Amino acid sequence: MSPQIGFVILSHREPRQLLRLVRTLNRLYGDPPIACHHDMAQCPIDTAPFPDNVRFVSPSIRTGWAKWSVVRAFLAALELLYRDADPDWFVLLSGADYPIKRAETVRAELAATAADALIDYRQVGDTSRSALERFGPRNPELDQFESDGNRRLKWSHYQGAELWFPMLRFNDGGRRVRPGRFTWHLPFASPFAPFSRDFPCFYGDHWITADRRAARLLLTPSRRHLRLQRHLHRRAIPEECYYQTVLCNEPGLTLDRDNRRYAQWNGGGAHPQQLGVANLPAIMASNAHFARKFDYDDPVLDRIDALLFDGD
């Protein structure tokens, strides 16, 4: 039987792009359940034009790049999705993502897999070789997570000791001032981190696809998970650690390291590069189900539509 797929979308800009994404998902997947967290503080949005199968988290959470608020927004949207529906699988997308495979292809792959989640992951301290030997092949598009610099950075973000100093941040050319902090990373592990030999730290790409069992685990945190939440609340880029650490430490879950996402990271920067028509052959040749990230009006989206809906 073909599995039902629901979608969780995190967005904070470009309402037109979000609406296009939703309409494309509806056309491909036959009006699937969709739960969206849109950060109204960053970009107000009129929800009236959106189809009835789309639910918005209300009130929205004010999110910030690389902040715990991103994880909170995801969990709020995931809870909304499973409150109103009970899909076999959910797909986490950003507003700048776009589908690149037909729904029947995605459904067939999910129906055939033994995995509970398609999630990029490796353990802090792993090398590329040791992760491959222990956990199997990964998404080849995510080389930036395998660099020595990224490994050191992730250890520092999640396990290293930190000192925090208050500071002032100036926005809008100095017209607005807000409190902030300066973080000093220390060269030894934090004695307060929640990780241990039987609960190691994992990290990887934010964007995942997972089944109902994994969703329930994320929505019903254990005491250990809550301690992890408190730890990551003050850490950078928690969205690349929380899901991995929770799911990878759960006995009995089967995980596939290839999350079926296409992105170009252009040498390992903090954000993937914008995709365009020049990337189309590589995008469509990949085994990915979704790609990111796109500008809202890039003509490559029309080209992808033509390939997805040819003959409809």
Protein backbone atom coordinates (compact mmCIF):
# COMPACT_ATOMS: atom_id res chain seq x y z
CA MET A 1 0.00 0.00 0.00
CA SER A 2 1.31 3.45 -0.90
CA PRO A 3 2.34 5.38 2.24
CA GLN A 4 0.76 8.72 3.07
CA ILE A 5 3.30 11.53 3.26
CA GLY A 6 2.85 14.74 5.22
CA PHE A 7 5.01 17.84 5.09
CA VAL A 8 6.48 20.17 7.67
CA ILE A 9 7.66 23.49 6.23
CA LEU A 10 9.78 26.10 8.00
CA SER A 11 9.76 29.54 6.39
CA HIS A 12 10.56 33.10 7.32
CA ARG A 13 10.44 35.05 4.04
CA GLU A 14 8.97 35.18 0.52
CA PRO A 15 5.27 34.27 0.96
CA ARG A 16 4.97 33.89 -2.83
CA GLN A 17 7.63 31.20 -2.81
CA LEU A 18 5.95 29.36 0.05
CA LEU A 19 2.60 29.45 -1.76
CA ARG A 20 4.19 28.09 -4.93
CA LEU A 21 5.84 25.26 -2.99
CA VAL A 22 2.54 24.33 -1.33
CA ARG A 23 0.65 24.35 -4.63
CA THR A 24 3.30 22.15 -6.24
CA LEU A 25 3.16 19.68 -3.34
CA ASN A 26 -0.63 19.61 -3.64
CA ARG A 27 -0.45 18.91 -7.33
CA LEU A 28 2.14 16.15 -6.89
CA TYR A 29 0.84 14.49 -3.73
CA GLY A 30 -2.90 15.10 -3.97
CA ASP A 31 -3.45 17.68 -1.23
CA PRO A 32 -1.33 16.05 1.49
CA PRO A 33 -1.40 17.23 5.11
CA ILE A 34 0.96 20.20 5.44
CA ALA A 35 1.95 21.99 8.64
CA CYS A 36 3.87 25.22 8.27
CA HIS A 37 5.73 27.37 10.73
CA HIS A 38 6.16 30.80 9.18
CA ASP A 39 8.00 33.39 11.27
CA MET A 40 5.53 36.27 11.23
CA ALA A 41 8.01 38.51 13.06
CA GLN A 42 10.48 38.34 10.18
CA CYS A 43 7.92 38.49 7.36
CA PRO A 44 4.15 38.88 7.85
CA ILE A 45 2.07 36.61 5.64
CA ASP A 46 -1.57 36.50 4.60
CA THR A 47 -2.64 32.89 5.09
CA ALA A 48 -5.96 33.33 3.26
CA PRO A 49 -4.66 32.32 -0.21
CA PHE A 50 -3.29 29.03 1.08
CA PRO A 51 -5.26 25.82 0.47
CA ASP A 52 -7.32 24.26 3.24
CA ASN A 53 -4.90 21.35 3.73
CA VAL A 54 -2.21 23.78 4.97
CA ARG A 55 -2.17 24.56 8.70
CA PHE A 56 -0.03 27.30 10.22
CA VAL A 57 1.47 27.28 13.70
CA SER A 58 -0.18 30.12 15.62
CA PRO A 59 1.16 32.10 17.26
CA SER A 60 4.44 31.75 15.43
CA ILE A 61 7.77 31.54 17.21
CA ARG A 62 10.35 34.23 16.59
CA THR A 63 13.23 32.31 15.06
CA GLY A 64 16.86 33.13 14.46
CA TRP A 65 19.50 31.51 12.32
CA ALA A 66 21.37 28.74 14.15
CA LYS A 67 19.21 29.21 17.27
CA TRP A 68 17.21 26.73 19.35
CA SER A 69 14.08 28.55 18.20
CA VAL A 70 14.43 26.76 14.84
CA VAL A 71 14.06 23.39 16.57
CA ARG A 72 11.11 24.72 18.60
CA ALA A 73 9.43 25.86 15.39
CA PHE A 74 9.92 22.45 13.80
CA LEU A 75 8.56 20.58 16.81
CA ALA A 76 5.54 22.90 16.95
CA ALA A 77 4.80 22.26 13.27
CA LEU A 78 5.38 18.52 13.63
CA GLU A 79 2.95 18.42 16.55
CA LEU A 80 0.39 20.33 14.48
CA LEU A 81 0.83 17.89 11.58
CA TYR A 82 0.23 14.82 13.73
CA ARG A 83 -2.56 16.46 15.71
CA ASP A 84 -4.64 16.98 12.58
CA ALA A 85 -3.44 13.98 10.54
CA ASP A 86 -1.48 10.77 11.01
CA PRO A 87 0.77 10.39 7.95
CA ASP A 88 3.03 7.37 7.61
CA TRP A 89 5.97 9.67 6.83
CA PHE A 90 6.79 13.34 7.18
CA VAL A 91 9.20 15.43 5.13
CA LEU A 92 10.89 18.49 6.64
CA LEU A 93 11.36 21.28 4.11
CA SER A 94 12.36 24.92 4.12
CA GLY A 95 10.43 27.50 2.15
CA ALA A 96 13.32 27.57 -0.33
CA ASP A 97 13.10 23.82 -1.10
CA TYR A 98 11.40 22.32 -4.13
CA PRO A 99 10.42 18.78 -5.13
CA ILE A 100 12.50 17.22 -7.90
CA LYS A 101 11.00 13.72 -8.06
CA ARG A 102 7.47 12.63 -8.84
CA ALA A 103 5.34 11.53 -5.92
CA GLU A 104 5.03 7.95 -7.13
CA THR A 105 8.83 7.63 -7.11
CA VAL A 106 9.13 8.99 -3.57
CA ARG A 107 6.26 6.86 -2.27
CA ALA A 108 7.71 3.72 -3.85
CA GLU A 109 11.11 4.33 -2.26
CA LEU A 110 9.61 4.96 1.17
CA ALA A 111 7.39 1.89 0.89
CA ALA A 112 10.41 -0.26 0.01
CA THR A 113 12.87 1.02 2.61
CA ALA A 114 13.51 -0.72 5.92
CA ALA A 115 14.57 2.61 7.43
CA ASP A 116 12.57 4.67 9.89
CA ALA A 117 14.30 7.88 8.79
CA LEU A 118 16.36 9.26 5.93
CA ILE A 119 18.75 11.42 7.93
CA ASP A 120 22.32 12.54 7.41
CA TYR A 121 24.39 11.76 10.51
CA ARG A 122 27.77 10.95 11.96
CA GLN A 123 29.04 10.79 15.53
CA VAL A 124 31.17 13.63 16.87
CA GLY A 125 34.75 12.40 16.56
CA ASP A 126 34.10 10.22 13.51
CA THR A 127 36.21 10.53 10.40
CA SER A 128 34.64 10.11 6.99
CA ARG A 129 36.02 6.57 6.84
CA SER A 130 34.96 5.54 10.33
CA ALA A 131 31.44 6.90 9.78
CA LEU A 132 31.20 4.98 6.51
CA GLU A 133 32.39 1.77 8.15
CA ARG A 134 30.07 2.11 11.13
CA PHE A 135 26.92 3.53 9.57
CA GLY A 136 27.08 3.00 5.81
CA PRO A 137 27.10 5.37 2.83
CA ARG A 138 25.93 8.96 3.10
CA ASN A 139 24.47 11.62 0.82
CA PRO A 140 27.34 12.49 -1.56
CA GLU A 141 26.15 16.10 -1.76
CA LEU A 142 27.01 16.80 1.89
CA ASP A 143 30.80 16.85 1.75
CA GLN A 144 30.99 19.92 3.97
CA PHE A 145 30.07 17.84 7.01
CA GLU A 146 33.11 15.63 6.40
CA SER A 147 35.78 18.34 6.46
CA ASP A 148 38.27 18.46 9.32
CA GLY A 149 37.27 22.06 10.00
CA ASN A 150 33.61 21.16 10.30
CA ARG A 151 34.38 18.27 12.64
CA ARG A 152 36.32 20.57 14.94
CA LEU A 153 33.55 23.15 14.79
CA LYS A 154 30.85 20.63 15.68
CA TRP A 155 32.82 19.34 18.67
CA SER A 156 33.21 22.93 19.84
CA HIS A 157 29.52 23.75 19.29
CA TYR A 158 28.05 20.72 21.00
CA GLN A 159 30.59 19.22 23.39
CA GLY A 160 33.21 21.85 24.08
CA ALA A 161 33.17 24.11 27.12
CA GLU A 162 32.13 27.73 26.52
CA LEU A 163 32.30 31.03 28.34
CA TRP A 164 29.67 33.67 27.53
CA PHE A 165 30.11 37.41 27.88
CA PRO A 166 27.28 39.97 27.53
CA MET A 167 27.52 42.47 24.70
CA LEU A 168 25.39 44.85 22.67
CA ARG A 169 24.48 44.22 19.04
CA PHE A 170 23.58 47.04 16.65
CA ASN A 171 21.07 46.57 13.84
CA ASP A 172 19.78 48.82 11.05
CA GLY A 173 22.99 50.81 10.77
CA GLY A 174 23.17 51.38 14.51
CA ARG A 175 19.59 52.63 14.90
CA ARG A 176 18.56 49.60 16.99
CA VAL A 177 20.41 48.04 19.88
CA ARG A 178 19.73 44.64 21.39
CA PRO A 179 21.49 42.52 23.98
CA GLY A 180 23.72 39.72 22.78
CA ARG A 181 26.62 37.61 23.91
CA PHE A 182 30.15 36.82 22.88
CA THR A 183 31.06 33.14 23.08
CA TRP A 184 34.58 32.06 23.93
CA HIS A 185 35.21 28.44 22.99
CA LEU A 186 37.50 26.55 25.36
CA PRO A 187 39.75 23.65 24.29
CA PHE A 188 38.20 21.02 26.55
CA ALA A 189 34.86 19.26 26.88
CA SER A 190 32.10 20.79 28.95
CA PRO A 191 31.56 18.90 32.22
CA PHE A 192 27.85 19.78 31.96
CA ALA A 193 27.16 18.32 28.50
CA PRO A 194 24.49 15.59 28.48
CA PHE A 195 26.55 13.22 26.34
CA SER A 196 28.11 9.99 27.54
CA ARG A 197 29.38 6.67 26.23
CA ASP A 198 25.83 5.33 26.08
CA PHE A 199 24.36 8.62 24.81
CA PRO A 200 26.90 10.00 22.31
CA CYS A 201 26.52 13.19 20.30
CA PHE A 202 25.57 12.97 16.63
CA TYR A 203 25.18 15.70 14.03
CA GLY A 204 24.34 16.20 10.37
CA ASP A 205 22.18 18.02 7.84
CA HIS A 206 19.02 19.63 9.19
CA TRP A 207 16.61 18.34 6.55
CA ILE A 208 15.15 14.90 7.22
CA THR A 209 12.41 12.50 6.15
CA ALA A 210 11.09 10.18 8.85
CA ASP A 211 8.24 7.83 9.63
CA ARG A 212 5.50 7.97 12.24
CA ARG A 213 7.60 6.09 14.80
CA ALA A 214 10.40 8.65 14.59
CA ALA A 215 7.87 11.48 14.73
CA ARG A 216 6.36 10.12 17.94
CA LEU A 217 9.81 9.84 19.47
CA LEU A 218 10.54 13.49 18.67
CA LEU A 219 7.16 14.57 20.04
CA THR A 220 7.44 12.66 23.33
CA PRO A 221 10.87 13.57 24.68
CA SER A 222 12.36 11.51 27.47
CA ARG A 223 14.10 13.01 30.48
CA ARG A 224 17.39 12.54 28.66
CA HIS A 225 16.01 14.32 25.59
CA LEU A 226 14.83 17.23 27.73
CA ARG A 227 18.30 17.53 29.21
CA LEU A 228 19.69 17.60 25.67
CA GLN A 229 17.21 20.36 24.82
CA ARG A 230 18.38 22.46 27.76
CA HIS A 231 21.99 21.98 26.71
CA LEU A 232 21.40 22.89 23.06
CA HIS A 233 19.25 25.88 23.97
CA ARG A 234 22.46 27.86 24.50
CA ARG A 235 24.48 26.28 21.70
CA ALA A 236 24.94 27.25 18.06
CA ILE A 237 23.25 25.33 15.23
CA PRO A 238 21.24 22.94 17.44
CA GLU A 239 19.08 21.93 14.47
CA GLU A 240 22.06 19.96 13.13
CA CYS A 241 22.43 18.00 16.38
CA TYR A 242 19.11 17.48 18.15
CA TYR A 243 17.28 15.21 15.68
CA GLN A 244 20.42 13.17 14.98
CA THR A 245 21.25 12.63 18.65
CA VAL A 246 17.69 11.67 19.58
CA LEU A 247 17.13 9.29 16.67
CA CYS A 248 20.60 7.75 16.54
CA ASN A 249 20.48 6.84 20.22
CA GLU A 250 17.09 5.13 20.02
CA PRO A 251 17.41 1.31 20.12
CA GLY A 252 15.55 -0.42 17.33
CA LEU A 253 15.36 2.49 14.91
CA THR A 254 16.83 1.88 11.47
CA LEU A 255 18.38 4.93 9.81
CA ASP A 256 19.49 5.59 6.24
CA ARG A 257 22.28 8.19 6.08
CA ASP A 258 21.22 9.39 2.64
CA ASN A 259 18.52 11.98 3.33
CA ARG A 260 17.72 12.31 -0.40
CA ARG A 261 18.33 16.06 -0.56
CA TYR A 262 20.28 17.94 -3.21
CA ALA A 263 22.29 21.04 -2.36
CA GLN A 264 25.49 22.71 -3.51
CA TRP A 265 27.60 23.96 -0.61
CA ASN A 266 30.33 25.64 -2.64
CA GLY A 267 33.26 24.68 -0.46
CA GLY A 268 31.63 24.25 2.93
CA GLY A 269 30.20 27.68 3.76
CA ALA A 270 27.46 28.34 6.28
CA HIS A 271 24.70 28.29 3.63
CA PRO A 272 24.19 26.31 0.41
CA GLN A 273 24.43 28.27 -2.80
CA GLN A 274 21.40 29.32 -4.80
CA LEU A 275 20.51 26.80 -7.49
CA GLY A 276 19.69 27.83 -11.03
CA VAL A 277 19.23 26.53 -14.56
CA ALA A 278 22.93 25.65 -14.81
CA ASN A 279 22.44 23.17 -11.96
CA LEU A 280 19.40 21.48 -13.51
CA PRO A 281 21.17 18.47 -15.10
CA ALA A 282 22.90 17.58 -11.83
CA ILE A 283 19.72 18.16 -9.83
CA MET A 284 17.64 15.82 -11.95
CA ALA A 285 20.41 13.20 -12.22
CA SER A 286 20.67 12.90 -8.45
CA ASN A 287 18.71 10.39 -6.39
CA ALA A 288 17.40 13.22 -4.20
CA HIS A 289 13.69 13.75 -3.62
CA PHE A 290 14.00 17.51 -2.93
CA ALA A 291 16.54 20.24 -3.64
CA ARG A 292 17.48 23.55 -2.06
CA LYS A 293 17.80 26.36 -2.19
CA PHE A 294 16.05 28.37 -4.87
CA ASP A 295 15.13 32.01 -5.40
CA TYR A 296 11.37 32.49 -5.55
CA ASP A 297 11.36 33.66 -9.18
CA ASP A 298 14.23 31.65 -10.65
CA PRO A 299 13.27 30.20 -14.07
CA VAL A 300 14.71 26.84 -13.02
CA LEU A 301 11.49 26.22 -11.06
CA ASP A 302 9.46 26.40 -14.27
CA ARG A 303 11.89 23.95 -15.86
CA ILE A 304 11.50 21.54 -12.95
CA ASP A 305 7.70 21.83 -13.19
CA ALA A 306 7.86 20.94 -16.87
CA LEU A 307 9.83 17.79 -16.05
CA LEU A 308 7.63 16.78 -13.12
CA PHE A 309 4.30 17.37 -14.79
CA ASP A 310 5.08 16.46 -18.40
CA GLY A 311 2.04 14.68 -19.74
CA ASP A 312 -0.30 15.71 -16.90
